């Protein structure tokens, strides 16, 4: 996260990194915060963050960002073969689900909807960490793009901060799924719910009941999968809590 102070309250700020436009957040008349999402597949190296706070080139500054190498763990799971090699009918559904998710990811309002400290959606520590490489039935699959929390089926799943529900429904891989737009390009996804208690278009506040922990979709048992995206980048939900502040209670 970068913090920028401008000389005038009339100044607008633009930022860009990793080939994506970012969404600077005004925190006061002359102060801005810029959250930078680093996708888990970003290669190690040095990257420029371009920030412009005026109409001319002299109003542009560049911040260097260095990405260090990281080795992620590997997990091996055995699941129903249909989840690894879906039928033609299931593949068509997966394609529709992907389009629906992409529509949700592209629907963020330009300003932040969240405020204050963030909270875990369910109590307890994550038991499957972000970035873990998964092998299902011996076949490599996409890396784990969220954090998993074990719990009893029916455990309430709560909003980690305020926002707007942009997806609520049953998807092939993630089962009963809720996606919240927290604004300024920041989203939370909650997967494998037993029940959904919200509807698309609903506004929610921190701690609002989104649904119940369950085992729908491609799972081996009841748990909550919480994933976060920022300007299209898959980021670690636990890093978000560490960066923006974590409430002592979920």
C-alpha atoms as a PDB file:
ATOM      1  CA  UNK A   1       0.000   0.000   0.000  1.00  0.00           C
ATOM      2  CA  UNK A   2       1.304   3.464  -0.936  1.00  0.00           C
ATOM      3  CA  UNK A   3       0.269   6.750   0.674  1.00  0.00           C
ATOM      4  CA  UNK A   4       0.338   9.977  -1.348  1.00  0.00           C
ATOM      5  CA  UNK A   5      -0.133  13.594  -0.241  1.00  0.00           C
ATOM      6  CA  UNK A   6      -1.158  16.136  -2.882  1.00  0.00           C
ATOM      7  CA  UNK A   7      -0.758  19.904  -2.810  1.00  0.00           C
ATOM      8  CA  UNK A   8      -4.436  20.634  -3.445  1.00  0.00           C
ATOM      9  CA  UNK A   9      -7.794  19.119  -2.650  1.00  0.00           C
ATOM     10  CA  UNK A  10      -8.729  19.600  -6.321  1.00  0.00           C
ATOM     11  CA  UNK A  11      -6.043  17.180  -7.495  1.00  0.00           C
ATOM     12  CA  UNK A  12      -7.073  13.840  -8.959  1.00  0.00           C
ATOM     13  CA  UNK A  13      -4.760  10.836  -8.736  1.00  0.00           C
ATOM     14  CA  UNK A  14      -4.233   8.036 -11.234  1.00  0.00           C
ATOM     15  CA  UNK A  15      -2.061   4.956 -10.787  1.00  0.00           C
ATOM     16  CA  UNK A  16      -1.004   1.953 -12.830  1.00  0.00           C
ATOM     17  CA  UNK A  17       1.014  -1.218 -12.153  1.00  0.00           C
ATOM     18  CA  UNK A  18       1.405  -4.675 -13.695  1.00  0.00           C
ATOM     19  CA  UNK A  19      -0.394  -3.429 -16.815  1.00  0.00           C
ATOM     20  CA  UNK A  20      -3.526  -2.619 -14.798  1.00  0.00           C
ATOM     21  CA  UNK A  21      -5.150   0.632 -13.772  1.00  0.00           C
ATOM     22  CA  UNK A  22      -5.385   0.930  -9.988  1.00  0.00           C
ATOM     23  CA  UNK A  23      -8.051   2.779  -7.998  1.00  0.00           C
ATOM     24  CA  UNK A  24      -6.524   5.346  -5.607  1.00  0.00           C
ATOM     25  CA  UNK A  25      -8.641   5.945  -2.499  1.00  0.00           C
ATOM     26  CA  UNK A  26      -9.000   9.460  -1.094  1.00  0.00           C
ATOM     27  CA  UNK A  27      -8.622   9.336   2.697  1.00  0.00           C
ATOM     28  CA  UNK A  28      -8.695  13.111   3.309  1.00  0.00           C
ATOM     29  CA  UNK A  29      -8.761  16.338   1.296  1.00  0.00           C
ATOM     30  CA  UNK A  30      -5.145  15.910   0.208  1.00  0.00           C
ATOM     31  CA  UNK A  31      -4.220  12.311   1.124  1.00  0.00           C
ATOM     32  CA  UNK A  32      -4.653   9.155  -0.932  1.00  0.00           C
ATOM     33  CA  UNK A  33      -4.006   5.451  -0.434  1.00  0.00           C
ATOM     34  CA  UNK A  34      -3.125   3.144  -3.291  1.00  0.00           C
ATOM     35  CA  UNK A  35      -3.604  -0.592  -2.715  1.00  0.00           C
ATOM     36  CA  UNK A  36      -1.512  -2.704  -5.084  1.00  0.00           C
ATOM     37  CA  UNK A  37      -2.575  -6.292  -5.687  1.00  0.00           C
ATOM     38  CA  UNK A  38       0.272  -8.663  -6.580  1.00  0.00           C
ATOM     39  CA  UNK A  39      -1.123 -11.793  -8.225  1.00  0.00           C
ATOM     40  CA  UNK A  40       0.250 -15.088  -6.922  1.00  0.00           C
ATOM     41  CA  UNK A  41       1.631 -15.963 -10.386  1.00  0.00           C
ATOM     42  CA  UNK A  42       3.600 -12.706 -10.703  1.00  0.00           C
ATOM     43  CA  UNK A  43       7.209 -13.546 -11.588  1.00  0.00           C
ATOM     44  CA  UNK A  44       9.975 -12.301  -9.274  1.00  0.00           C
ATOM     45  CA  UNK A  45      11.574  -9.086 -10.478  1.00  0.00           C
ATOM     46  CA  UNK A  46      11.377  -5.307 -10.394  1.00  0.00           C
ATOM     47  CA  UNK A  47       8.187  -3.516 -11.444  1.00  0.00           C
ATOM     48  CA  UNK A  48       7.213   0.130 -11.837  1.00  0.00           C
ATOM     49  CA  UNK A  49       4.196   1.699 -10.149  1.00  0.00           C
ATOM     50  CA  UNK A  50       3.238   4.843 -12.071  1.00  0.00           C
ATOM     51  CA  UNK A  51       1.375   7.578 -10.152  1.00  0.00           C
ATOM     52  CA  UNK A  52       0.060  10.762 -11.773  1.00  0.00           C
ATOM     53  CA  UNK A  53      -1.388  13.628  -9.739  1.00  0.00           C
ATOM     54  CA  UNK A  54      -1.853  16.302 -12.408  1.00  0.00           C
ATOM     55  CA  UNK A  55      -2.334  16.981 -16.127  1.00  0.00           C
ATOM     56  CA  UNK A  56       1.297  16.999 -17.278  1.00  0.00           C
ATOM     57  CA  UNK A  57       4.209  14.564 -17.394  1.00  0.00           C
ATOM     58  CA  UNK A  58       5.984  16.463 -14.594  1.00  0.00           C
ATOM     59  CA  UNK A  59       3.138  15.420 -12.288  1.00  0.00           C
ATOM     60  CA  UNK A  60       4.056  11.769 -12.786  1.00  0.00           C
ATOM     61  CA  UNK A  61       6.219   9.793 -10.360  1.00  0.00           C
ATOM     62  CA  UNK A  62       7.413   6.188 -10.514  1.00  0.00           C
ATOM     63  CA  UNK A  63       7.765   3.906  -7.500  1.00  0.00           C
ATOM     64  CA  UNK A  64       9.914   0.786  -7.852  1.00  0.00           C
ATOM     65  CA  UNK A  65       8.420  -2.447  -6.512  1.00  0.00           C
ATOM     66  CA  UNK A  66      10.571  -5.569  -6.048  1.00  0.00           C
ATOM     67  CA  UNK A  67       8.926  -9.023  -6.020  1.00  0.00           C
ATOM     68  CA  UNK A  68      10.997 -11.695  -4.272  1.00  0.00           C
ATOM     69  CA  UNK A  69      10.844 -15.439  -5.061  1.00  0.00           C
ATOM     70  CA  UNK A  70       8.562 -17.624  -2.937  1.00  0.00           C
ATOM     71  CA  UNK A  71       8.094 -21.388  -2.832  1.00  0.00           C
ATOM     72  CA  UNK A  72       4.521 -22.536  -2.203  1.00  0.00           C
ATOM     73  CA  UNK A  73       3.524 -25.834  -0.629  1.00  0.00           C
ATOM     74  CA  UNK A  74       1.913 -28.689  -2.594  1.00  0.00           C
ATOM     75  CA  UNK A  75      -1.176 -30.639  -1.547  1.00  0.00           C
ATOM     76  CA  UNK A  76      -2.547 -33.868  -3.050  1.00  0.00           C
ATOM     77  CA  UNK A  77      -6.288 -34.542  -2.904  1.00  0.00           C
ATOM     78  CA  UNK A  78      -8.556 -37.311  -4.116  1.00  0.00           C
ATOM     79  CA  UNK A  79     -11.985 -36.150  -5.316  1.00  0.00           C
ATOM     80  CA  UNK A  80     -14.788 -37.402  -7.522  1.00  0.00           C
ATOM     81  CA  UNK A  81     -13.382 -37.905 -11.034  1.00  0.00           C
ATOM     82  CA  UNK A  82     -16.135 -35.709 -12.484  1.00  0.00           C
ATOM     83  CA  UNK A  83     -14.636 -32.667 -10.762  1.00  0.00           C
ATOM     84  CA  UNK A  84     -11.251 -33.235 -12.420  1.00  0.00           C
ATOM     85  CA  UNK A  85     -12.483 -34.269 -15.871  1.00  0.00           C
ATOM     86  CA  UNK A  86     -16.000 -32.850 -16.289  1.00  0.00           C
ATOM     87  CA  UNK A  87     -18.380 -34.027 -18.986  1.00  0.00           C
ATOM     88  CA  UNK A  88     -19.269 -31.877 -22.005  1.00  0.00           C
ATOM     89  CA  UNK A  89     -22.455 -30.774 -20.248  1.00  0.00           C
ATOM     90  CA  UNK A  90     -20.554 -29.887 -17.100  1.00  0.00           C
ATOM     91  CA  UNK A  91     -17.906 -28.056 -19.154  1.00  0.00           C
ATOM     92  CA  UNK A  92     -20.654 -25.869 -20.650  1.00  0.00           C
ATOM     93  CA  UNK A  93     -21.843 -25.018 -17.149  1.00  0.00           C
ATOM     94  CA  UNK A  94     -18.287 -24.220 -16.035  1.00  0.00           C
ATOM     95  CA  UNK A  95     -17.956 -21.851 -19.006  1.00  0.00           C
ATOM     96  CA  UNK A  96     -21.172 -20.075 -17.976  1.00  0.00           C
ATOM     97  CA  UNK A  97     -19.961 -19.896 -14.356  1.00  0.00           C
ATOM     98  CA  UNK A  98     -16.672 -18.361 -15.495  1.00  0.00           C
ATOM     99  CA  UNK A  99     -18.509 -15.689 -17.478  1.00  0.00           C
ATOM    100  CA  UNK A 100     -20.691 -14.959 -14.467  1.00  0.00           C
ATOM    101  CA  UNK A 101     -17.662 -14.595 -12.191  1.00  0.00           C
ATOM    102  CA  UNK A 102     -15.837 -12.407 -14.691  1.00  0.00           C
ATOM    103  CA  UNK A 103     -18.888 -10.165 -14.793  1.00  0.00           C
ATOM    104  CA  UNK A 104     -18.796  -9.894 -11.006  1.00  0.00           C
ATOM    105  CA  UNK A 105     -15.058  -9.116 -10.935  1.00  0.00           C
ATOM    106  CA  UNK A 106     -15.635  -6.296 -13.418  1.00  0.00           C
ATOM    107  CA  UNK A 107     -18.480  -4.643 -11.517  1.00  0.00           C
ATOM    108  CA  UNK A 108     -16.634  -2.755  -8.776  1.00  0.00           C
ATOM    109  CA  UNK A 109     -17.680   0.776  -7.874  1.00  0.00           C
ATOM    110  CA  UNK A 110     -14.759   3.272  -8.087  1.00  0.00           C
ATOM    111  CA  UNK A 111     -14.818   4.314  -4.424  1.00  0.00           C
ATOM    112  CA  UNK A 112     -14.205   2.192  -1.323  1.00  0.00           C
ATOM    113  CA  UNK A 113     -17.272   0.798   0.430  1.00  0.00           C
ATOM    114  CA  UNK A 114     -15.409  -0.622   3.432  1.00  0.00           C
ATOM    115  CA  UNK A 115     -14.473   1.162   6.649  1.00  0.00           C
ATOM    116  CA  UNK A 116     -12.654   0.328   9.865  1.00  0.00           C
ATOM    117  CA  UNK A 117     -10.956  -2.933  10.787  1.00  0.00           C
ATOM    118  CA  UNK A 118     -11.625  -6.158   8.898  1.00  0.00           C
ATOM    119  CA  UNK A 119     -12.857  -9.389  10.485  1.00  0.00           C
ATOM    120  CA  UNK A 120     -12.465 -13.087   9.686  1.00  0.00           C
ATOM    121  CA  UNK A 121     -15.645 -14.475   8.161  1.00  0.00           C
ATOM    122  CA  UNK A 122     -15.562 -17.428  10.576  1.00  0.00           C
ATOM    123  CA  UNK A 123     -13.627 -17.993  13.834  1.00  0.00           C
ATOM    124  CA  UNK A 124     -10.276 -19.737  13.920  1.00  0.00           C
ATOM    125  CA  UNK A 125      -7.114 -19.987  11.886  1.00  0.00           C
ATOM    126  CA  UNK A 126      -6.868 -20.913   8.220  1.00  0.00           C
ATOM    127  CA  UNK A 127      -5.837 -24.532   7.662  1.00  0.00           C
ATOM    128  CA  UNK A 128      -5.014 -24.357   3.937  1.00  0.00           C
ATOM    129  CA  UNK A 129      -2.955 -21.382   2.958  1.00  0.00           C
ATOM    130  CA  UNK A 130      -2.904 -19.114  -0.059  1.00  0.00           C
ATOM    131  CA  UNK A 131      -0.783 -20.162  -3.029  1.00  0.00           C
ATOM    132  CA  UNK A 132      -0.692 -23.899  -2.264  1.00  0.00           C
ATOM    133  CA  UNK A 133      -0.238 -25.902  -5.466  1.00  0.00           C
ATOM    134  CA  UNK A 134      -2.981 -28.541  -5.792  1.00  0.00           C
ATOM    135  CA  UNK A 135      -2.852 -31.976  -7.395  1.00  0.00           C
ATOM    136  CA  UNK A 136      -6.279 -33.585  -7.793  1.00  0.00           C
ATOM    137  CA  UNK A 137      -6.280 -37.327  -8.513  1.00  0.00           C
ATOM    138  CA  UNK A 138      -2.666 -37.025  -9.654  1.00  0.00           C
ATOM    139  CA  UNK A 139      -3.312 -34.110 -12.045  1.00  0.00           C
ATOM    140  CA  UNK A 140      -1.890 -30.606 -11.359  1.00  0.00           C
ATOM    141  CA  UNK A 141      -4.515 -27.868 -11.132  1.00  0.00           C
ATOM    142  CA  UNK A 142      -4.633 -24.117 -10.482  1.00  0.00           C
ATOM    143  CA  UNK A 143      -2.931 -22.914  -7.275  1.00  0.00           C
ATOM    144  CA  UNK A 144      -5.061 -22.288  -4.226  1.00  0.00           C
ATOM    145  CA  UNK A 145      -6.206 -18.683  -4.557  1.00  0.00           C
ATOM    146  CA  UNK A 146      -7.669 -18.176  -1.086  1.00  0.00           C
ATOM    147  CA  UNK A 147      -7.617 -19.348   2.519  1.00  0.00           C
ATOM    148  CA  UNK A 148      -9.655 -22.293   3.840  1.00  0.00           C
ATOM    149  CA  UNK A 149     -11.245 -22.399   7.284  1.00  0.00           C
ATOM    150  CA  UNK A 150     -12.481 -25.661   8.803  1.00  0.00           C
ATOM    151  CA  UNK A 151     -15.697 -25.640  10.777  1.00  0.00           C
ATOM    152  CA  UNK A 152     -18.954 -27.395  11.486  1.00  0.00           C
ATOM    153  CA  UNK A 153     -21.601 -27.311   8.780  1.00  0.00           C
ATOM    154  CA  UNK A 154     -24.050 -24.540   9.584  1.00  0.00           C
ATOM    155  CA  UNK A 155     -21.487 -22.206  11.168  1.00  0.00           C
ATOM    156  CA  UNK A 156     -22.484 -18.613  10.279  1.00  0.00           C
ATOM    157  CA  UNK A 157     -20.308 -16.990   7.611  1.00  0.00           C
ATOM    158  CA  UNK A 158     -20.068 -13.222   8.134  1.00  0.00           C
ATOM    159  CA  UNK A 159     -19.018 -10.309   5.935  1.00  0.00           C
ATOM    160  CA  UNK A 160     -15.417  -9.270   6.750  1.00  0.00           C
ATOM    161  CA  UNK A 161     -16.306  -5.665   5.934  1.00  0.00           C
ATOM    162  CA  UNK A 162     -19.021  -3.667   4.215  1.00  0.00           C
ATOM    163  CA  UNK A 163     -19.848  -3.821   0.530  1.00  0.00           C
ATOM    164  CA  UNK A 164     -22.365  -4.855  -2.079  1.00  0.00           C
ATOM    165  CA  UNK A 165     -23.328  -8.411  -3.063  1.00  0.00           C
ATOM    166  CA  UNK A 166     -22.567  -8.851  -6.775  1.00  0.00           C
ATOM    167  CA  UNK A 167     -23.006 -12.641  -6.994  1.00  0.00           C
ATOM    168  CA  UNK A 168     -25.034 -15.100  -4.940  1.00  0.00           C
ATOM    169  CA  UNK A 169     -25.691 -18.535  -6.372  1.00  0.00           C
ATOM    170  CA  UNK A 170     -24.603 -22.105  -7.058  1.00  0.00           C
ATOM    171  CA  UNK A 171     -21.447 -22.604  -9.170  1.00  0.00           C
ATOM    172  CA  UNK A 172     -19.992 -25.916 -10.319  1.00  0.00           C
ATOM    173  CA  UNK A 173     -16.620 -25.792  -8.583  1.00  0.00           C
ATOM    174  CA  UNK A 174     -17.336 -23.507  -5.608  1.00  0.00           C
ATOM    175  CA  UNK A 175     -20.895 -24.600  -4.840  1.00  0.00           C
ATOM    176  CA  UNK A 176     -23.075 -22.023  -3.113  1.00  0.00           C
ATOM    177  CA  UNK A 177     -21.024 -18.874  -3.601  1.00  0.00           C
ATOM    178  CA  UNK A 178     -21.249 -15.226  -2.519  1.00  0.00           C
ATOM    179  CA  UNK A 179     -19.099 -12.420  -3.951  1.00  0.00           C
ATOM    180  CA  UNK A 180     -18.963  -8.998  -2.269  1.00  0.00           C
ATOM    181  CA  UNK A 181     -17.693  -5.848  -3.968  1.00  0.00           C
ATOM    182  CA  UNK A 182     -15.938  -3.820  -1.268  1.00  0.00           C
ATOM    183  CA  UNK A 183     -15.371  -1.017  -3.777  1.00  0.00           C
ATOM    184  CA  UNK A 184     -12.216   0.396  -5.428  1.00  0.00           C
ATOM    185  CA  UNK A 185     -11.548  -2.917  -7.178  1.00  0.00           C
ATOM    186  CA  UNK A 186     -11.534  -5.056  -4.001  1.00  0.00           C
ATOM    187  CA  UNK A 187     -13.696  -8.208  -3.819  1.00  0.00           C
ATOM    188  CA  UNK A 188     -14.287 -11.112  -1.412  1.00  0.00           C
ATOM    189  CA  UNK A 189     -15.538 -14.537  -2.546  1.00  0.00           C
ATOM    190  CA  UNK A 190     -17.021 -17.092  -0.127  1.00  0.00           C
ATOM    191  CA  UNK A 191     -17.386 -20.652  -1.424  1.00  0.00           C
ATOM    192  CA  UNK A 192     -18.932 -24.028  -0.509  1.00  0.00           C
ATOM    193  CA  UNK A 193     -21.738 -22.527   1.610  1.00  0.00           C
ATOM    194  CA  UNK A 194     -24.512 -24.810   2.832  1.00  0.00           C
ATOM    195  CA  UNK A 195     -26.997 -21.937   2.576  1.00  0.00           C
ATOM    196  CA  UNK A 196     -26.947 -18.374   1.223  1.00  0.00           C
ATOM    197  CA  UNK A 197     -28.703 -15.640   3.217  1.00  0.00           C
ATOM    198  CA  UNK A 198     -28.192 -12.669   0.853  1.00  0.00           C
ATOM    199  CA  UNK A 199     -29.220 -11.667  -2.652  1.00  0.00           C
ATOM    200  CA  UNK A 200     -27.425  -9.947  -5.499  1.00  0.00           C
ATOM    201  CA  UNK A 201     -27.691  -6.185  -5.056  1.00  0.00           C
ATOM    202  CA  UNK A 202     -27.868  -6.330  -1.250  1.00  0.00           C
ATOM    203  CA  UNK A 203     -25.697  -3.924   0.746  1.00  0.00           C
ATOM    204  CA  UNK A 204     -23.973  -5.567   3.720  1.00  0.00           C
ATOM    205  CA  UNK A 205     -22.054  -4.278   6.716  1.00  0.00           C
ATOM    206  CA  UNK A 206     -19.204  -5.833   8.687  1.00  0.00           C
ATOM    207  CA  UNK A 207     -20.465  -8.945  10.467  1.00  0.00           C
ATOM    208  CA  UNK A 208     -23.600  -9.350   8.348  1.00  0.00           C
ATOM    209  CA  UNK A 209     -24.672 -12.997   7.947  1.00  0.00           C
ATOM    210  CA  UNK A 210     -23.908 -14.092   4.371  1.00  0.00           C
ATOM    211  CA  UNK A 211     -24.773 -17.761   4.776  1.00  0.00           C
ATOM    212  CA  UNK A 212     -23.690 -20.992   6.461  1.00  0.00           C
ATOM    213  CA  UNK A 213     -20.465 -22.957   6.187  1.00  0.00           C
ATOM    214  CA  UNK A 214     -20.986 -26.121   4.152  1.00  0.00           C
ATOM    215  CA  UNK A 215     -19.615 -28.649   1.676  1.00  0.00           C
ATOM    216  CA  UNK A 216     -21.133 -27.757  -1.702  1.00  0.00           C
ATOM    217  CA  UNK A 217     -19.112 -27.821  -4.934  1.00  0.00           C
ATOM    218  CA  UNK A 218     -15.726 -29.534  -5.283  1.00  0.00           C
ATOM    219  CA  UNK A 219     -14.806 -30.304  -1.676  1.00  0.00           C
ATOM    220  CA  UNK A 220     -13.759 -33.202   0.542  1.00  0.00           C
ATOM    221  CA  UNK A 221     -15.583 -31.915   3.628  1.00  0.00           C
ATOM    222  CA  UNK A 222     -17.222 -28.874   5.243  1.00  0.00           C
ATOM    223  CA  UNK A 223     -15.113 -25.720   5.157  1.00  0.00           C
ATOM    224  CA  UNK A 224     -15.154 -22.111   4.016  1.00  0.00           C
ATOM    225  CA  UNK A 225     -12.994 -20.944   1.131  1.00  0.00           C
ATOM    226  CA  UNK A 226     -12.398 -17.175   1.319  1.00  0.00           C
ATOM    227  CA  UNK A 227     -10.724 -15.594  -1.700  1.00  0.00           C
ATOM    228  CA  UNK A 228      -9.873 -11.932  -2.344  1.00  0.00           C
ATOM    229  CA  UNK A 229      -9.229 -10.085  -5.603  1.00  0.00           C
ATOM    230  CA  UNK A 230      -7.845  -6.585  -5.995  1.00  0.00           C
ATOM    231  CA  UNK A 231      -7.918  -5.036  -9.476  1.00  0.00           C
ATOM    232  CA  UNK A 232      -7.985  -8.549 -10.930  1.00  0.00           C
ATOM    233  CA  UNK A 233      -5.053  -9.859  -8.868  1.00  0.00           C
ATOM    234  CA  UNK A 234      -5.541 -12.881  -6.610  1.00  0.00           C
ATOM    235  CA  UNK A 235      -4.247 -11.890  -3.173  1.00  0.00           C
ATOM    236  CA  UNK A 236      -3.986 -13.548   0.233  1.00  0.00           C
ATOM    237  CA  UNK A 237      -6.990 -12.749   2.488  1.00  0.00           C
ATOM    238  CA  UNK A 238      -4.761 -13.041   5.567  1.00  0.00           C
ATOM    239  CA  UNK A 239      -2.394 -10.435   4.120  1.00  0.00           C
ATOM    240  CA  UNK A 240      -5.406  -8.168   3.634  1.00  0.00           C
ATOM    241  CA  UNK A 241      -6.261  -8.532   7.335  1.00  0.00           C
ATOM    242  CA  UNK A 242      -2.658  -7.740   8.290  1.00  0.00           C
ATOM    243  CA  UNK A 243      -2.521  -4.695   6.009  1.00  0.00           C
ATOM    244  CA  UNK A 244      -5.883  -3.068   6.710  1.00  0.00           C
ATOM    245  CA  UNK A 245      -6.273  -4.079  10.352  1.00  0.00           C
ATOM    246  CA  UNK A 246      -8.041  -7.090  11.874  1.00  0.00           C
ATOM    247  CA  UNK A 247     -10.885  -6.857  14.354  1.00  0.00           C
ATOM    248  CA  UNK A 248     -10.337  -9.018  17.472  1.00  0.00           C
ATOM    249  CA  UNK A 249     -13.661 -10.770  16.872  1.00  0.00           C
ATOM    250  CA  UNK A 250     -14.983 -12.364  13.630  1.00  0.00           C
END
